[in-house]
């Protein structure tokens, strides 16, 4: 459940043929004798968001396997919770107010009061988890629910023997928790800088995503680019994209037809999964 707005530093450079109908972007990537499909998701959605299409349903039904970023199912939750506790809460005795300056801590307290997050809980957290907690709580209050997100919705529908994952829970949490403290603080600063319009921003991103408008979606990410350090974006976006592309190349070599569902931002820009696959010689076309 990596925070979506951290894709702000991506620049749009998608080679695509845009269809007439408006729908979340869906790409086909192929070589001479095999193909995979890439669908960009949003991990939290409000009720009544329209995103399912006949094209997606057809591909999902015929794919040999369906890949997601990580397992979000019920059986995976105990491990996710345990890893979050281990890597998200301070283990060195330093409270959050000892890791950040007084001005930033005052903003944390303001956000805590606004969204009803207990300050003592935030004080026990590392900056990355404090940022995530504030963001998710704000979005939840506005009706954005991970249980309604594309990823969890589809994972609950697909037979377990067809499910595959690019990352373990430990690997994904490691991307958030593995950076240096300065990067974590920058993440918290960026989150609080936009806290008062976080819901508005995601509303705009959701609309661009649902309308199949990657240009507008990329512009919205770019507008937030200054809030985050390059090192964090390299870890959370670029490095992961490269890892996934290596796995996708193996799928194509084995002629395994797969539907791949990852956050929409991973399919935009110079370092997007689509662009990286094209650079390896595969053909890509947007079919929705």
Protein backbone atom coordinates (compact mmCIF):
# COMPACT_ATOMS: atom_id res chain seq x y z
CA UNK A 1 0.00 0.00 0.00
CA UNK A 2 2.75 2.39 -0.98
CA UNK A 3 1.59 6.02 -0.89
CA UNK A 4 0.47 7.05 -4.34
CA UNK A 5 1.48 10.68 -4.28
CA UNK A 6 5.16 9.79 -4.10
CA UNK A 7 5.07 9.26 -7.84
CA UNK A 8 5.07 13.01 -8.30
CA UNK A 9 8.57 13.13 -9.74
CA UNK A 10 7.70 10.99 -12.76
CA UNK A 11 7.58 12.78 -16.12
CA UNK A 12 5.07 11.65 -18.68
CA UNK A 13 6.60 9.84 -21.65
CA UNK A 14 4.16 7.05 -22.46
CA UNK A 15 4.09 5.77 -26.02
CA UNK A 16 0.42 4.94 -26.55
CA UNK A 17 -2.45 4.91 -28.97
CA UNK A 18 -5.37 6.44 -27.09
CA UNK A 19 -8.76 4.77 -27.52
CA UNK A 20 -11.92 6.76 -27.90
CA UNK A 21 -13.66 5.47 -24.79
CA UNK A 22 -12.75 6.80 -21.34
CA UNK A 23 -11.59 4.14 -18.89
CA UNK A 24 -8.59 3.47 -16.64
CA UNK A 25 -5.51 2.76 -18.72
CA UNK A 26 -4.82 -0.78 -19.89
CA UNK A 27 -1.75 -1.71 -21.93
CA UNK A 28 -0.75 -4.75 -23.96
CA UNK A 29 2.96 -5.57 -24.10
CA UNK A 30 4.14 -8.32 -26.41
CA UNK A 31 6.94 -9.94 -28.33
CA UNK A 32 6.62 -12.20 -31.36
CA UNK A 33 4.78 -15.02 -29.62
CA UNK A 34 3.46 -13.90 -26.22
CA UNK A 35 1.76 -11.02 -24.46
CA UNK A 36 1.01 -9.59 -21.04
CA UNK A 37 -1.46 -6.88 -20.03
CA UNK A 38 -0.84 -4.02 -17.61
CA UNK A 39 -3.67 -2.32 -15.71
CA UNK A 40 -3.07 0.77 -13.60
CA UNK A 41 -4.91 0.68 -10.27
CA UNK A 42 -5.78 2.95 -7.39
CA UNK A 43 -5.37 1.25 -4.03
CA UNK A 44 -8.12 3.11 -2.13
CA UNK A 45 -11.44 4.11 -3.68
CA UNK A 46 -14.80 5.47 -2.53
CA UNK A 47 -18.03 3.62 -3.15
CA UNK A 48 -19.64 3.69 -6.58
CA UNK A 49 -16.39 4.37 -8.46
CA UNK A 50 -16.78 3.00 -11.98
CA UNK A 51 -13.62 1.29 -13.25
CA UNK A 52 -14.54 -2.18 -14.48
CA UNK A 53 -14.86 -2.67 -18.23
CA UNK A 54 -15.62 -5.52 -20.60
CA UNK A 55 -12.05 -5.45 -21.90
CA UNK A 56 -10.58 -5.85 -18.42
CA UNK A 57 -13.02 -8.63 -17.50
CA UNK A 58 -12.20 -10.54 -20.69
CA UNK A 59 -8.45 -10.32 -20.11
CA UNK A 60 -8.79 -11.24 -16.45
CA UNK A 61 -10.80 -14.34 -17.37
CA UNK A 62 -8.35 -15.64 -19.95
CA UNK A 63 -5.03 -14.78 -18.29
CA UNK A 64 -2.99 -17.71 -17.03
CA UNK A 65 -2.04 -15.76 -13.91
CA UNK A 66 -2.77 -12.33 -12.41
CA UNK A 67 0.06 -10.41 -10.76
CA UNK A 68 -0.25 -7.74 -8.06
CA UNK A 69 2.30 -5.71 -6.14
CA UNK A 70 1.85 -7.75 -2.95
CA UNK A 71 -0.63 -10.02 -1.21
CA UNK A 72 -3.32 -8.01 0.62
CA UNK A 73 -5.56 -10.95 1.46
CA UNK A 74 -6.89 -11.85 4.88
CA UNK A 75 -4.27 -14.54 5.44
CA UNK A 76 -1.50 -12.03 4.75
CA UNK A 77 -2.73 -9.44 7.24
CA UNK A 78 -1.08 -10.82 10.41
CA UNK A 79 2.34 -10.67 8.75
CA UNK A 80 1.69 -7.16 7.41
CA UNK A 81 0.64 -5.94 10.86
CA UNK A 82 3.63 -7.56 12.54
CA UNK A 83 6.07 -6.07 10.01
CA UNK A 84 4.49 -2.64 10.33
CA UNK A 85 4.86 -2.78 14.11
CA UNK A 86 8.46 -3.94 13.81
CA UNK A 87 9.62 -1.39 11.24
CA UNK A 88 7.18 1.47 11.80
CA UNK A 89 7.47 2.01 15.54
CA UNK A 90 10.58 3.35 17.23
CA UNK A 91 12.85 0.69 18.67
CA UNK A 92 15.62 2.99 19.85
CA UNK A 93 13.69 4.85 22.56
CA UNK A 94 13.44 8.10 20.55
CA UNK A 95 9.98 9.61 20.20
CA UNK A 96 8.82 11.34 17.03
CA UNK A 97 9.28 14.78 18.62
CA UNK A 98 12.94 13.91 19.14
CA UNK A 99 13.37 13.08 15.44
CA UNK A 100 11.78 16.22 13.99
CA UNK A 101 11.93 19.92 14.82
CA UNK A 102 9.34 21.78 16.88
CA UNK A 103 7.71 23.42 13.88
CA UNK A 104 7.07 20.13 12.13
CA UNK A 105 5.86 18.55 15.36
CA UNK A 106 3.32 21.34 15.74
CA UNK A 107 2.00 20.46 12.29
CA UNK A 108 1.80 16.81 13.31
CA UNK A 109 -0.29 17.79 16.35
CA UNK A 110 -2.57 19.94 14.18
CA UNK A 111 -3.12 17.07 11.74
CA UNK A 112 -3.69 14.66 14.60
CA UNK A 113 -6.42 16.90 15.97
CA UNK A 114 -7.98 17.41 12.55
CA UNK A 115 -8.18 13.70 11.73
CA UNK A 116 -8.63 12.26 15.20
CA UNK A 117 -5.32 10.39 15.38
CA UNK A 118 -4.04 10.01 18.98
CA UNK A 119 -0.85 12.03 19.42
CA UNK A 120 0.74 9.42 21.75
CA UNK A 121 0.39 6.84 18.98
CA UNK A 122 2.12 9.12 16.48
CA UNK A 123 4.88 9.90 18.96
CA UNK A 124 5.80 6.22 19.07
CA UNK A 125 6.09 6.01 15.28
CA UNK A 126 8.93 6.55 12.89
CA UNK A 127 8.31 9.46 10.49
CA UNK A 128 7.35 7.26 7.51
CA UNK A 129 4.60 5.50 9.45
CA UNK A 130 3.35 8.75 10.97
CA UNK A 131 3.03 10.17 7.44
CA UNK A 132 1.24 7.07 6.19
CA UNK A 133 -1.12 7.01 9.18
CA UNK A 134 -2.13 10.65 8.75
CA UNK A 135 -2.69 10.21 5.00
CA UNK A 136 -4.71 7.01 5.24
CA UNK A 137 -6.83 8.33 8.12
CA UNK A 138 -7.64 11.52 6.22
CA UNK A 139 -8.62 9.56 3.13
CA UNK A 140 -10.65 7.03 5.12
CA UNK A 141 -12.69 9.83 6.67
CA UNK A 142 -13.45 11.04 3.14
CA UNK A 143 -14.71 7.59 2.12
CA UNK A 144 -11.59 6.16 0.49
CA UNK A 145 -11.44 2.51 1.46
CA UNK A 146 -8.69 -0.07 0.68
CA UNK A 147 -11.40 -2.74 0.67
CA UNK A 148 -12.92 -0.97 -2.34
CA UNK A 149 -9.60 -0.43 -4.10
CA UNK A 150 -8.86 -2.23 -7.34
CA UNK A 151 -6.18 -4.50 -5.90
CA UNK A 152 -8.07 -5.98 -2.96
CA UNK A 153 -11.32 -6.20 -4.92
CA UNK A 154 -9.70 -8.29 -7.64
CA UNK A 155 -7.58 -10.38 -5.28
CA UNK A 156 -10.75 -11.42 -3.47
CA UNK A 157 -12.34 -12.58 -6.75
CA UNK A 158 -9.50 -14.52 -8.36
CA UNK A 159 -8.72 -18.11 -7.45
CA UNK A 160 -5.64 -18.30 -5.23
CA UNK A 161 -3.85 -20.64 -7.63
CA UNK A 162 -3.90 -17.91 -10.28
CA UNK A 163 -2.59 -15.17 -8.01
CA UNK A 164 1.04 -14.07 -8.17
CA UNK A 165 2.88 -11.21 -6.44
CA UNK A 166 5.95 -9.19 -7.37
CA UNK A 167 6.90 -8.45 -3.76
CA UNK A 168 6.53 -9.98 -0.34
CA UNK A 169 5.06 -7.91 2.48
CA UNK A 170 8.54 -7.70 4.02
CA UNK A 171 10.01 -6.35 0.79
CA UNK A 172 7.29 -3.75 0.32
CA UNK A 173 7.49 -2.44 3.87
CA UNK A 174 11.26 -2.47 3.50
CA UNK A 175 10.97 0.06 0.68
CA UNK A 176 9.24 2.46 3.06
CA UNK A 177 11.28 1.71 6.15
CA UNK A 178 14.66 1.18 4.50
CA UNK A 179 15.52 4.79 3.71
CA UNK A 180 17.51 7.12 5.93
CA UNK A 181 15.78 9.24 8.55
CA UNK A 182 16.19 12.45 6.55
CA UNK A 183 14.16 10.91 3.72
CA UNK A 184 11.49 9.79 6.16
CA UNK A 185 11.25 13.29 7.62
CA UNK A 186 10.97 14.71 4.10
CA UNK A 187 8.09 12.32 3.47
CA UNK A 188 6.36 13.52 6.64
CA UNK A 189 6.96 17.16 5.72
CA UNK A 190 5.51 16.62 2.26
CA UNK A 191 2.45 14.88 3.64
CA UNK A 192 1.73 17.63 6.15
CA UNK A 193 2.37 20.38 3.59
CA UNK A 194 -0.59 19.15 1.57
CA UNK A 195 -2.72 17.69 4.37
CA UNK A 196 -5.44 20.32 3.98
CA UNK A 197 -6.03 19.36 0.35
CA UNK A 198 -5.07 15.68 0.38
CA UNK A 199 -8.60 14.51 -0.31
CA UNK A 200 -9.09 17.11 -3.04
CA UNK A 201 -5.86 15.96 -4.69
CA UNK A 202 -6.87 12.30 -4.66
CA UNK A 203 -10.33 13.21 -5.98
CA UNK A 204 -8.62 14.90 -8.92
CA UNK A 205 -6.27 11.99 -9.47
CA UNK A 206 -9.13 9.49 -9.31
CA UNK A 207 -11.09 11.47 -11.89
CA UNK A 208 -8.13 11.61 -14.27
CA UNK A 209 -7.49 7.89 -13.76
CA UNK A 210 -11.12 6.88 -14.31
CA UNK A 211 -11.30 9.07 -17.43
CA UNK A 212 -8.24 7.37 -18.90
CA UNK A 213 -6.28 10.63 -18.97
CA UNK A 214 -2.63 9.86 -18.13
CA UNK A 215 -1.51 13.35 -19.11
CA UNK A 216 -3.72 14.95 -16.47
CA UNK A 217 -2.77 12.27 -13.94
CA UNK A 218 0.92 12.90 -14.50
CA UNK A 219 0.42 16.67 -14.21
CA UNK A 220 -1.21 16.19 -10.81
CA UNK A 221 1.72 14.09 -9.61
CA UNK A 222 4.18 16.64 -11.00
CA UNK A 223 2.47 19.43 -9.09
CA UNK A 224 3.49 17.69 -5.87
CA UNK A 225 7.05 16.83 -6.93
CA UNK A 226 8.84 19.37 -4.77
CA UNK A 227 7.62 17.86 -1.53
CA UNK A 228 9.74 14.71 -1.71
CA UNK A 229 13.42 13.92 -1.99
CA UNK A 230 14.74 12.15 -5.07
CA UNK A 231 16.17 9.30 -2.99
CA UNK A 232 12.74 8.29 -1.71
CA UNK A 233 11.22 8.35 -5.20
CA UNK A 234 14.11 6.27 -6.50
CA UNK A 235 13.43 3.65 -3.82
CA UNK A 236 9.62 3.65 -3.94
CA UNK A 237 9.09 3.96 -7.68
CA UNK A 238 12.07 3.57 -9.96
CA UNK A 239 13.82 0.69 -8.21
CA UNK A 240 10.61 -1.28 -7.88
CA UNK A 241 9.71 -0.71 -11.54
CA UNK A 242 13.08 -2.11 -12.61
CA UNK A 243 12.59 -5.14 -10.38
CA UNK A 244 9.16 -5.81 -11.85
CA UNK A 245 10.37 -5.43 -15.43
CA UNK A 246 12.93 -8.19 -14.88
CA UNK A 247 10.14 -10.48 -13.70
CA UNK A 248 7.85 -9.51 -16.58
CA UNK A 249 10.61 -10.22 -19.09
CA UNK A 250 10.81 -13.75 -17.68
CA UNK A 251 7.04 -14.15 -18.08
CA UNK A 252 7.26 -13.15 -21.74
CA UNK A 253 10.20 -15.48 -22.31
CA UNK A 254 8.14 -18.35 -20.90
CA UNK A 255 5.13 -17.37 -23.05
CA UNK A 256 2.99 -17.04 -19.91
CA UNK A 257 0.01 -14.76 -20.51
CA UNK A 258 -0.49 -12.60 -17.46
CA UNK A 259 -2.60 -9.67 -16.35
CA UNK A 260 -0.51 -7.33 -14.18
CA UNK A 261 -2.27 -4.93 -11.80
CA UNK A 262 -0.07 -2.25 -10.20
CA UNK A 263 -0.54 1.33 -9.07
CA UNK A 264 -1.34 3.62 -12.00
CA UNK A 265 1.68 5.82 -11.37
CA UNK A 266 4.02 2.93 -12.09
CA UNK A 267 2.77 2.99 -15.69
CA UNK A 268 3.60 6.66 -16.34
CA UNK A 269 6.82 8.39 -17.25
CA UNK A 270 10.38 7.77 -18.38
CA UNK A 271 10.91 5.16 -15.65
CA UNK A 272 7.50 3.54 -16.06
CA UNK A 273 7.11 -0.19 -16.41
CA UNK A 274 5.75 0.38 -19.93
CA UNK A 275 8.70 2.52 -21.00
CA UNK A 276 11.28 0.16 -19.49
CA UNK A 277 9.75 -2.80 -21.33
CA UNK A 278 9.83 -0.85 -24.59
CA UNK A 279 13.51 -0.12 -24.02
CA UNK A 280 14.09 -3.88 -23.76
CA UNK A 281 12.61 -4.31 -27.23
CA UNK A 282 9.03 -5.27 -26.45
CA UNK A 283 6.11 -3.64 -28.22
CA UNK A 284 3.52 -1.75 -26.16
CA UNK A 285 0.13 -0.37 -27.07
CA UNK A 286 -2.60 1.11 -24.99
CA UNK A 287 -5.81 -0.82 -25.63
CA UNK A 288 -8.06 1.02 -23.13
